[in-house]
């Protein structure tokens, strides 16, 4: 390897991924030194150092290699750096003057070493910390960082941020490779800022598998006052009535145990995605009672709803006066889908099982309709003449019986006024335009 590097023109070689087995540790320092030499002279822009560890043997956190000290002795002129599967004991870094993207994965690294490494990166924009289990109280300070990701670092108790330019923050408290049950979460992670300064530039916040008490949730909304995109997955919150930020326009919730969360954003959210949830029962019960009107909601995605009936769906649609996009996936309680809307423009229905039997739509402004699932019956269809329709059936259309063949011909007849129709099965696809 050293001979190979010595033959390379440092100005031609732009990206290096160095992967090694821990049994080669006697030559490790020499190999890493060659990578450092290339990075120090500006010859490469992306450096990925992967040290073999027990990721594939049931223990993804046990590493065997210490990062050679030669790595710290010269400034590295790389813009992208990834370290995976090693011990980082020295925190006296020479510097990374042009580094923009830093990923630290499966490392044995302490809180102080992370702080020192980030401080040695005056141009850092993107930081990812993954499966660094020794981290407990993360302290980060950077004037240039735009994106921060902390995932599977389950020992973290607090995150102190002095990041005035931060735009997106992701925090995932789940255990890598294991199913995490939200109701079994015990630790509450605290997010803090230096001197209580608000991170007003953050617009995207992603939280996964976090346990939060009412004070924690209130504090999060306080330090991120200008959120536009909020995503929550597997979070457990003991809820109390409070004010939600009206800046949020996109809300994505998966297995979130906060029925009142959606009600809190009803007056501001424009795009809503709810996935795999019997936990957000309030979403349908509030609309059924006429309690909530989503006055700004333009796009809704409902996936894996096991309690949503067709009547509840139509009450939801009627509570969204400007709803233009509706995506339904595996809403198994709906057997006869019937939708009526004067403003709906895009409708997508995906069904993996045979629960859905028929579809009836009265949507005069519908310009896009996509169906993916078993062969079904289409009843009354009202749509725009500009409709682009895509039907993907799970059956092999060339081998169906006479009754299904008749059904497929009837389907084509139902969409004869559409501008474009694409029908496909497991065996072939037919595209008909300008019908």
Foldseek 3Di string as FASTA:
>chain_A
DLVVLVPDDLQVAAEDAAEDEVVPVVCVVVVVLSVQVSQQVVSYAAYHYHYDDCCPPPDLQDADAADDPSNQPGAGAYQHYEYERHEDDDLNHPADARHAEYEYESYQDEQVSVQSHQVRYQQYAYYAYYCHQRYAEHEHAYAHHAEYHYEQNQNYAEYEDNYQNYAEYAYANDHPPDDDALVPDDGAHAYHYVVRAANANHAYYEYESHEEEQVRVVSVCVSHVQYAAYEYESYHYPDDDDAHRLNHAHYHYEAYQDLCPCQNNLAHYAEYEYEQDPNNVNLLVCLVVVNGANARHAYYEYYNAAPDELVSVQSNVVSHQQHAYYEYYANLNYAEHEYEDARHAEYEYEYADNSHAEYEYAYANHAEYEYHEAQHAYDHYHYHLNHAYEYEHAAQQVPDDPVSVVRVVVVCVNCVSHQKYWYYYPHGIDIDGHD
